[in-house]
C-alpha atoms as a PDB file:
ATOM      1  CA  MET A   1      18.669  18.959 -24.390  1.00  0.00           C
ATOM      2  CA  THR A   2      15.809  17.676 -26.526  1.00  0.00           C
ATOM      3  CA  HIS A   3      12.220  18.203 -25.436  1.00  0.00           C
ATOM      4  CA  HIS A   4      11.787  14.464 -24.725  1.00  0.00           C
ATOM      5  CA  ARG A   5      14.910  14.320 -22.559  1.00  0.00           C
ATOM      6  CA  PHE A   6      13.868  17.456 -20.690  1.00  0.00           C
ATOM      7  CA  ILE A   7      10.479  15.958 -19.834  1.00  0.00           C
ATOM      8  CA  THR A   8      12.092  12.675 -18.782  1.00  0.00           C
ATOM      9  CA  ALA A   9      14.582  14.500 -16.563  1.00  0.00           C
ATOM     10  CA  ALA A  10      11.813  16.622 -15.024  1.00  0.00           C
ATOM     11  CA  LEU A  11       9.663  13.573 -14.267  1.00  0.00           C
ATOM     12  CA  LEU A  12      12.580  11.714 -12.705  1.00  0.00           C
ATOM     13  CA  THR A  13      13.402  14.724 -10.547  1.00  0.00           C
ATOM     14  CA  VAL A  14       9.828  14.958  -9.291  1.00  0.00           C
ATOM     15  CA  LEU A  15       9.734  11.229  -8.549  1.00  0.00           C
ATOM     16  CA  LEU A  16      13.048  11.241  -6.733  1.00  0.00           C
ATOM     17  CA  ILE A  17      12.287  14.194  -4.459  1.00  0.00           C
ATOM     18  CA  SER A  18       8.580  13.527  -3.993  1.00  0.00           C
ATOM     19  CA  PRO A  19       7.634  12.705  -0.374  1.00  0.00           C
ATOM     20  CA  ALA A  20       5.461   9.876  -1.693  1.00  0.00           C
ATOM     21  CA  ALA A  21       8.432   8.378  -3.494  1.00  0.00           C
ATOM     22  CA  THR A  22      10.425   8.292  -0.259  1.00  0.00           C
ATOM     23  CA  ALA A  23       7.545   7.309   2.017  1.00  0.00           C
ATOM     24  CA  GLN A  24       7.964   4.022   3.797  1.00  0.00           C
ATOM     25  CA  VAL A  25       5.186   1.490   3.509  1.00  0.00           C
ATOM     26  CA  PRO A  26       4.552  -0.110   6.884  1.00  0.00           C
ATOM     27  CA  VAL A  27       5.784  -3.668   7.150  1.00  0.00           C
ATOM     28  CA  CYS A  28       3.139  -5.653   8.997  1.00  0.00           C
ATOM     29  CA  VAL A  29       4.658  -8.885  10.248  1.00  0.00           C
ATOM     30  CA  PRO A  30       2.187 -11.247  11.919  1.00  0.00           C
ATOM     31  CA  PRO A  31       3.129 -12.439  15.398  1.00  0.00           C
ATOM     32  CA  GLU A  32       4.561 -15.861  15.960  1.00  0.00           C
ATOM     33  CA  GLU A  33       1.930 -18.353  17.051  1.00  0.00           C
ATOM     34  CA  PRO A  34       2.264 -19.783  20.547  1.00  0.00           C
ATOM     35  CA  TRP A  35       3.624 -23.240  21.114  1.00  0.00           C
ATOM     36  CA  VAL A  36       1.006 -25.617  22.494  1.00  0.00           C
ATOM     37  CA  PRO A  37       2.378 -28.690  24.247  1.00  0.00           C
ATOM     38  CA  GLU A  38       1.100 -32.026  23.053  1.00  0.00           C
ATOM     39  CA  ARG A  39       1.800 -33.915  26.251  1.00  0.00           C
ATOM     40  CA  ASP A  40      -0.146 -33.344  29.469  1.00  0.00           C
ATOM     41  CA  ALA A  41       3.098 -33.381  31.450  1.00  0.00           C
ATOM     42  CA  ASP A  42       4.381 -30.456  29.345  1.00  0.00           C
ATOM     43  CA  ILE A  43       1.117 -28.551  29.840  1.00  0.00           C
ATOM     44  CA  GLN A  44       1.500 -29.003  33.602  1.00  0.00           C
ATOM     45  CA  ALA A  45       5.129 -27.903  33.478  1.00  0.00           C
ATOM     46  CA  TYR A  46       4.665 -24.898  31.174  1.00  0.00           C
ATOM     47  CA  VAL A  47       1.066 -23.760  31.750  1.00  0.00           C
ATOM     48  CA  ASP A  48       2.112 -20.276  32.941  1.00  0.00           C
ATOM     49  CA  LEU A  49       4.501 -19.749  30.022  1.00  0.00           C
ATOM     50  CA  VAL A  50       2.035 -20.988  27.416  1.00  0.00           C
ATOM     51  CA  ALA A  51      -0.807 -18.897  28.867  1.00  0.00           C
ATOM     52  CA  ALA A  52       1.440 -15.811  28.822  1.00  0.00           C
ATOM     53  CA  ASP A  53       2.449 -16.642  25.251  1.00  0.00           C
ATOM     54  CA  PHE A  54      -1.209 -16.681  24.188  1.00  0.00           C
ATOM     55  CA  GLU A  55      -1.739 -13.273  25.826  1.00  0.00           C
ATOM     56  CA  ARG A  56       1.326 -11.940  24.032  1.00  0.00           C
ATOM     57  CA  TYR A  57       0.099 -13.405  20.749  1.00  0.00           C
ATOM     58  CA  PHE A  58      -3.360 -11.832  20.902  1.00  0.00           C
ATOM     59  CA  SER A  59      -1.939  -8.493  21.987  1.00  0.00           C
ATOM     60  CA  ALA A  60       0.532  -8.579  19.107  1.00  0.00           C
ATOM     61  CA  LEU A  61      -2.218  -9.730  16.734  1.00  0.00           C
ATOM     62  CA  THR A  62      -4.247  -6.645  17.613  1.00  0.00           C
ATOM     63  CA  GLN A  63      -1.224  -4.480  16.771  1.00  0.00           C
ATOM     64  CA  HIS A  64      -0.776  -6.435  13.540  1.00  0.00           C
ATOM     65  CA  PHE A  65      -4.381  -5.727  12.526  1.00  0.00           C
ATOM     66  CA  GLN A  66      -3.864  -2.036  13.318  1.00  0.00           C
ATOM     67  CA  CYS A  67      -0.757  -2.040  11.123  1.00  0.00           C
ATOM     68  CA  LEU A  68      -2.662  -3.696   8.266  1.00  0.00           C
ATOM     69  CA  ASP A  69      -5.477  -1.173   8.630  1.00  0.00           C
ATOM     70  CA  GLN A  70      -2.998   1.728   8.515  1.00  0.00           C
ATOM     71  CA  ALA A  71      -1.303   0.251   5.442  1.00  0.00           C
ATOM     72  CA  TRP A  72      -4.729  -0.112   3.789  1.00  0.00           C
ATOM     73  CA  GLN A  73      -5.644   3.508   4.597  1.00  0.00           C
ATOM     74  CA  ASP A  74      -2.259   4.750   3.343  1.00  0.00           C
ATOM     75  CA  SER A  75      -2.693   2.802   0.107  1.00  0.00           C
ATOM     76  CA  LEU A  76      -6.186   4.181  -0.456  1.00  0.00           C
ATOM     77  CA  ALA A  77      -5.000   7.744   0.114  1.00  0.00           C
ATOM     78  CA  ARG A  78      -2.096   7.226  -2.263  1.00  0.00           C
ATOM     79  CA  ALA A  79      -4.394   5.696  -4.901  1.00  0.00           C
ATOM     80  CA  ARG A  80      -6.697   8.722  -4.656  1.00  0.00           C
ATOM     81  CA  SER A  81      -3.728  11.046  -5.102  1.00  0.00           C
ATOM     82  CA  VAL A  82      -2.421   9.125  -8.111  1.00  0.00           C
ATOM     83  CA  SER A  83      -5.916   9.001  -9.603  1.00  0.00           C
ATOM     84  CA  ALA A  84      -6.232  12.785  -9.280  1.00  0.00           C
ATOM     85  CA  ALA A  85      -2.794  13.237 -10.887  1.00  0.00           C
ATOM     86  CA  ARG A  86      -3.849  10.946 -13.737  1.00  0.00           C
ATOM     87  CA  GLU A  87      -7.044  12.897 -14.267  1.00  0.00           C
ATOM     88  CA  THR A  88      -5.087  16.157 -14.445  1.00  0.00           C
ATOM     89  CA  PHE A  89      -2.614  14.571 -16.860  1.00  0.00           C
ATOM     90  CA  VAL A  90      -5.401  13.284 -19.138  1.00  0.00           C
ATOM     91  CA  GLN A  91      -7.116  16.680 -19.128  1.00  0.00           C
ATOM     92  CA  ARG A  92      -3.887  18.470 -20.008  1.00  0.00           C
ATOM     93  CA  ALA A  93      -2.965  15.939 -22.709  1.00  0.00           C
ATOM     94  CA  THR A  94      -6.476  16.227 -24.167  1.00  0.00           C
ATOM     95  CA  ALA A  95      -6.255  20.030 -24.151  1.00  0.00           C
ATOM     96  CA  LEU A  96      -2.969  19.738 -26.054  1.00  0.00           C
ATOM     97  CA  GLY A  97      -4.633  17.502 -28.665  1.00  0.00           C
ATOM     98  CA  LEU A  98      -2.750  14.391 -27.528  1.00  0.00           C
ATOM     99  CA  ARG A  99      -5.679  12.243 -26.424  1.00  0.00           C
ATOM    100  CA  ALA A 100      -5.143   9.706 -29.208  1.00  0.00           C
ATOM    101  CA  ARG A 101      -1.577   9.158 -27.972  1.00  0.00           C
ATOM    102  CA  LEU A 102      -2.656   8.267 -24.441  1.00  0.00           C
ATOM    103  CA  GLY A 103      -3.099   4.635 -25.417  1.00  0.00           C
ATOM    104  CA  VAL A 104      -5.775   3.045 -23.264  1.00  0.00           C
ATOM    105  CA  ASP A 105      -9.086   4.884 -23.073  1.00  0.00           C
ATOM    106  CA  PRO A 106      -8.497   7.224 -20.121  1.00  0.00           C
ATOM    107  CA  GLN A 107     -12.166   7.704 -19.280  1.00  0.00           C
ATOM    108  CA  PRO A 108     -13.903   4.968 -17.255  1.00  0.00           C
ATOM    109  CA  PRO A 109     -17.532   4.155 -18.107  1.00  0.00           C
ATOM    110  CA  SER A 110     -20.121   6.300 -16.338  1.00  0.00           C
ATOM    111  CA  ASN A 111     -21.012   3.518 -13.875  1.00  0.00           C
ATOM    112  CA  GLY A 112     -17.347   3.161 -12.871  1.00  0.00           C
ATOM    113  CA  TRP A 113     -17.029  -0.434 -14.068  1.00  0.00           C
ATOM    114  CA  ARG A 114     -15.771  -1.831 -17.331  1.00  0.00           C
ATOM    115  CA  LYS A 115     -18.223  -3.979 -19.232  1.00  0.00           C
END
């Protein structure tokens, strides 16, 4: 097996068995909005159902926001992990004299923003 194929096989193995690779991203589906009758007669007939539907909606909306917040936190944690892995990779590639082959400049400006 050539060196290139060995590295490719090793990377694929790590990706396939990595917990992050198999982690499920939460699916945050917003709740269905309540039906609001247009006619007064329908409001009179369905007031209890519509009121309960609004309660259900706002309760579900709170859960939806919690799901979105968890997804955001999970994404930030994963981005930090990937950033640390990238930093380690760049350091190792630089130590091996391969910095020029990294392509894009791996070091962000000191203020953290590109000019």
